[in-house]
Amino acid sequence: MPKIIAIQDDLKPLGKELEARGYEVVDENYAKEVDAILYDSNHSSLSYLENFDNVIDMDRGALIINVANKNIQDIIYAIEKRAYESLF
């Protein structure tokens, strides 16, 4: 089953790249759980993540990835390895 990745609207080109690699990409209106939430800190703040309150599995969690200054390989690595960096 493909991983479900939520993105903010201005990341649609990245979403297309992820879809081409087999991921299911959804937006902030998606009403089911997701594996990862992607955002760009250069164009939004962490308060944007409140839009995704309803998609986080409280037992397993969702990985939150800041895609600013990351290439597609870095993003896929973070998704697959559930690797993350400090938010601060």
N, C-alpha and C. Protein backbone atom coordinates (compact mmCIF):
# COMPACT_ATOMS: atom_id res chain seq x y z
N MET A 1 0.85 -1.17 0.00
CA MET A 1 0.00 0.00 0.00
C MET A 1 0.90 1.24 0.00
N PRO A 2 0.63 2.21 -0.89
CA PRO A 2 1.49 3.40 -0.95
C PRO A 2 1.34 4.26 0.30
N LYS A 3 2.41 4.92 0.63
CA LYS A 3 2.34 5.87 1.76
C LYS A 3 1.52 7.08 1.33
N ILE A 4 0.77 7.62 2.28
CA ILE A 4 -0.08 8.78 2.02
C ILE A 4 0.63 10.01 2.56
N ILE A 5 0.85 10.97 1.66
CA ILE A 5 1.61 12.16 1.98
C ILE A 5 0.70 13.39 1.81
N ALA A 6 0.56 14.19 2.85
CA ALA A 6 -0.22 15.42 2.79
C ALA A 6 0.72 16.58 2.49
N ILE A 7 0.27 17.47 1.59
CA ILE A 7 1.09 18.62 1.23
C ILE A 7 0.26 19.90 1.29
N GLN A 8 0.93 21.01 1.47
CA GLN A 8 0.26 22.29 1.37
C GLN A 8 0.10 22.62 -0.11
N ASP A 9 -0.86 23.49 -0.43
CA ASP A 9 -1.22 23.76 -1.82
C ASP A 9 -0.06 24.22 -2.69
N ASP A 10 0.84 25.01 -2.16
CA ASP A 10 1.92 25.51 -3.02
C ASP A 10 3.04 24.50 -3.26
N LEU A 11 2.86 23.26 -2.79
CA LEU A 11 3.83 22.20 -3.03
C LEU A 11 3.36 21.21 -4.09
N LYS A 12 2.39 21.61 -4.91
CA LYS A 12 1.84 20.69 -5.92
C LYS A 12 2.89 20.14 -6.88
N PRO A 13 3.88 20.92 -7.33
CA PRO A 13 4.91 20.32 -8.19
C PRO A 13 5.67 19.18 -7.49
N LEU A 14 5.97 19.36 -6.21
CA LEU A 14 6.60 18.30 -5.44
C LEU A 14 5.65 17.11 -5.31
N GLY A 15 4.38 17.39 -5.09
CA GLY A 15 3.38 16.32 -5.01
C GLY A 15 3.35 15.48 -6.27
N LYS A 16 3.47 16.11 -7.43
CA LYS A 16 3.49 15.38 -8.71
C LYS A 16 4.71 14.47 -8.79
N GLU A 17 5.86 14.96 -8.31
CA GLU A 17 7.07 14.13 -8.30
C GLU A 17 6.88 12.91 -7.39
N LEU A 18 6.26 13.11 -6.24
CA LEU A 18 6.04 12.00 -5.32
C LEU A 18 5.03 11.00 -5.89
N GLU A 19 3.99 11.49 -6.54
CA GLU A 19 3.01 10.60 -7.18
C GLU A 19 3.68 9.75 -8.26
N ALA A 20 4.59 10.34 -9.01
CA ALA A 20 5.32 9.60 -10.05
C ALA A 20 6.17 8.49 -9.46
N ARG A 21 6.49 8.61 -8.18
CA ARG A 21 7.29 7.59 -7.49
C ARG A 21 6.44 6.63 -6.67
N GLY A 22 5.12 6.72 -6.83
CA GLY A 22 4.22 5.75 -6.21
C GLY A 22 3.56 6.15 -4.92
N TYR A 23 3.76 7.38 -4.47
CA TYR A 23 3.12 7.85 -3.24
C TYR A 23 1.73 8.38 -3.56
N GLU A 24 0.84 8.28 -2.57
CA GLU A 24 -0.47 8.92 -2.70
C GLU A 24 -0.35 10.28 -2.05
N VAL A 25 -0.65 11.33 -2.80
CA VAL A 25 -0.50 12.70 -2.31
C VAL A 25 -1.88 13.31 -2.13
N VAL A 26 -2.10 13.90 -0.95
CA VAL A 26 -3.40 14.51 -0.61
C VAL A 26 -3.17 15.92 -0.10
N ASP A 27 -4.26 16.70 -0.03
CA ASP A 27 -4.15 18.06 0.48
C ASP A 27 -4.72 18.16 1.89
N GLU A 28 -4.78 19.37 2.40
CA GLU A 28 -5.21 19.58 3.79
C GLU A 28 -6.68 19.28 4.03
N ASN A 29 -7.46 19.05 2.98
CA ASN A 29 -8.88 18.71 3.14
C ASN A 29 -9.11 17.21 3.24
N TYR A 30 -8.06 16.43 3.13
CA TYR A 30 -8.14 14.98 3.23
C TYR A 30 -8.61 14.61 4.64
N ALA A 31 -9.51 13.66 4.76
CA ALA A 31 -10.14 13.39 6.06
C ALA A 31 -9.70 12.07 6.70
N LYS A 32 -8.68 11.43 6.17
CA LYS A 32 -8.18 10.18 6.76
C LYS A 32 -6.75 10.38 7.22
N GLU A 33 -6.18 9.34 7.82
CA GLU A 33 -4.84 9.45 8.36
C GLU A 33 -3.78 9.45 7.26
N VAL A 34 -2.67 10.12 7.53
CA VAL A 34 -1.56 10.20 6.59
C VAL A 34 -0.28 9.71 7.26
N ASP A 35 0.69 9.38 6.42
CA ASP A 35 1.99 8.93 6.94
C ASP A 35 2.95 10.10 7.18
N ALA A 36 2.82 11.14 6.36
CA ALA A 36 3.71 12.30 6.48
C ALA A 36 2.99 13.56 6.03
N ILE A 37 3.41 14.67 6.61
CA ILE A 37 2.91 15.99 6.24
C ILE A 37 4.11 16.82 5.82
N LEU A 38 4.05 17.35 4.59
CA LEU A 38 5.16 18.16 4.08
C LEU A 38 4.77 19.63 4.10
N TYR A 39 5.69 20.46 4.52
CA TYR A 39 5.47 21.91 4.50
C TYR A 39 6.79 22.59 4.17
N ASP A 40 6.71 23.82 3.75
CA ASP A 40 7.89 24.60 3.39
C ASP A 40 7.97 25.79 4.34
N SER A 41 8.95 25.79 5.22
CA SER A 41 9.07 26.86 6.21
C SER A 41 9.40 28.21 5.58
N ASN A 42 9.85 28.21 4.33
CA ASN A 42 10.11 29.48 3.65
C ASN A 42 8.83 30.17 3.21
N HIS A 43 7.72 29.41 3.15
CA HIS A 43 6.46 29.96 2.64
C HIS A 43 5.29 29.79 3.60
N SER A 44 5.50 29.20 4.76
CA SER A 44 4.44 29.06 5.74
C SER A 44 5.05 28.88 7.12
N SER A 45 4.21 28.96 8.13
CA SER A 45 4.68 28.77 9.50
C SER A 45 4.15 27.45 10.03
N LEU A 46 4.63 27.06 11.18
CA LEU A 46 4.15 25.81 11.79
C LEU A 46 2.68 25.87 12.12
N SER A 47 2.12 27.07 12.28
CA SER A 47 0.69 27.16 12.57
C SER A 47 -0.14 26.57 11.43
N TYR A 48 0.42 26.53 10.22
CA TYR A 48 -0.23 25.90 9.07
C TYR A 48 -0.58 24.44 9.37
N LEU A 49 0.21 23.80 10.20
CA LEU A 49 0.00 22.37 10.49
C LEU A 49 -1.30 22.10 11.23
N GLU A 50 -1.90 23.12 11.83
CA GLU A 50 -3.19 22.95 12.48
C GLU A 50 -4.25 22.46 11.50
N ASN A 51 -4.05 22.73 10.21
CA ASN A 51 -4.99 22.27 9.19
C ASN A 51 -5.05 20.74 9.12
N PHE A 52 -4.03 20.08 9.66
CA PHE A 52 -3.94 18.64 9.55
C PHE A 52 -4.27 17.90 10.85
N ASP A 53 -4.88 18.55 11.81
CA ASP A 53 -5.21 17.91 13.08
C ASP A 53 -5.98 16.61 12.91
N ASN A 54 -6.84 16.54 11.94
CA ASN A 54 -7.71 15.37 11.78
C ASN A 54 -7.06 14.22 11.04
N VAL A 55 -5.83 14.34 10.58
CA VAL A 55 -5.23 13.28 9.78
C VAL A 55 -4.10 12.55 10.49
N ILE A 56 -3.82 12.90 11.72
CA ILE A 56 -2.72 12.27 12.43
C ILE A 56 -3.22 11.11 13.27
N ASP A 57 -2.66 9.94 13.03
CA ASP A 57 -2.95 8.74 13.81
C ASP A 57 -2.28 8.92 15.17
N MET A 58 -3.06 9.05 16.21
CA MET A 58 -2.50 9.35 17.53
C MET A 58 -1.68 8.21 18.11
N ASP A 59 -1.83 6.99 17.61
CA ASP A 59 -1.01 5.88 18.08
C ASP A 59 0.33 5.81 17.37
N ARG A 60 0.33 6.12 16.09
CA ARG A 60 1.53 5.98 15.28
C ARG A 60 2.16 7.32 14.92
N GLY A 61 1.35 8.35 14.85
CA GLY A 61 1.86 9.67 14.51
C GLY A 61 2.04 9.85 13.02
N ALA A 62 2.31 11.07 12.64
CA ALA A 62 2.62 11.41 11.25
C ALA A 62 3.93 12.18 11.26
N LEU A 63 4.79 11.86 10.34
CA LEU A 63 6.07 12.53 10.22
C LEU A 63 5.84 13.91 9.60
N ILE A 64 6.40 14.94 10.19
CA ILE A 64 6.28 16.29 9.66
C ILE A 64 7.64 16.67 9.08
N ILE A 65 7.64 16.99 7.77
CA ILE A 65 8.89 17.23 7.07
C ILE A 65 8.91 18.64 6.51
N ASN A 66 9.89 19.42 6.90
CA ASN A 66 10.12 20.73 6.31
C ASN A 66 10.93 20.50 5.03
N VAL A 67 10.34 20.79 3.88
CA VAL A 67 10.99 20.51 2.60
C VAL A 67 11.89 21.65 2.13
N ALA A 68 11.94 22.74 2.87
CA ALA A 68 12.79 23.86 2.48
C ALA A 68 14.24 23.39 2.34
N ASN A 69 14.84 23.72 1.22
CA ASN A 69 16.25 23.41 0.94
C ASN A 69 16.54 21.91 0.88
N LYS A 70 15.54 21.09 0.59
CA LYS A 70 15.74 19.64 0.45
C LYS A 70 15.42 19.24 -0.99
N ASN A 71 16.18 18.28 -1.51
CA ASN A 71 15.86 17.77 -2.84
C ASN A 71 14.95 16.56 -2.69
N ILE A 72 14.46 16.05 -3.78
CA ILE A 72 13.49 14.95 -3.74
C ILE A 72 14.07 13.71 -3.07
N GLN A 73 15.36 13.44 -3.26
CA GLN A 73 15.97 12.27 -2.61
C GLN A 73 15.99 12.43 -1.09
N ASP A 74 16.26 13.63 -0.60
CA ASP A 74 16.25 13.88 0.85
C ASP A 74 14.85 13.67 1.42
N ILE A 75 13.85 14.14 0.69
CA ILE A 75 12.46 14.03 1.15
C ILE A 75 12.02 12.58 1.18
N ILE A 76 12.34 11.83 0.13
CA ILE A 76 11.97 10.41 0.09
C ILE A 76 12.69 9.64 1.19
N TYR A 77 13.96 9.95 1.43
CA TYR A 77 14.69 9.30 2.51
C TYR A 77 13.99 9.54 3.84
N ALA A 78 13.59 10.77 4.10
CA ALA A 78 12.91 11.11 5.36
C ALA A 78 11.59 10.35 5.48
N ILE A 79 10.84 10.27 4.39
CA ILE A 79 9.56 9.56 4.42
C ILE A 79 9.77 8.07 4.69
N GLU A 80 10.67 7.47 3.95
CA GLU A 80 10.87 6.02 4.05
C GLU A 80 11.52 5.60 5.36
N LYS A 81 12.47 6.37 5.84
CA LYS A 81 13.20 6.02 7.07
C LYS A 81 12.55 6.62 8.32
N ARG A 82 11.47 7.42 8.09
CA ARG A 82 10.83 8.15 9.19
C ARG A 82 11.89 8.92 9.98
N ALA A 83 12.80 9.52 9.23
CA ALA A 83 13.88 10.32 9.81
C ALA A 83 13.44 11.77 9.84
N TYR A 84 13.85 12.48 10.84
CA TYR A 84 13.44 13.87 10.96
C TYR A 84 14.57 14.69 11.54
N GLU A 85 14.39 15.98 11.48
CA GLU A 85 15.35 16.90 12.07
C GLU A 85 14.63 17.75 13.11
N SER A 86 15.37 18.44 13.90
CA SER A 86 14.80 19.30 14.92
C SER A 86 13.92 20.36 14.28
N LEU A 87 12.80 20.68 14.92
CA LEU A 87 11.93 21.74 14.44
C LEU A 87 12.48 23.12 14.77
N PHE A 88 13.44 23.19 15.68
CA PHE A 88 13.96 24.49 16.13
C PHE A 88 15.44 24.62 15.89
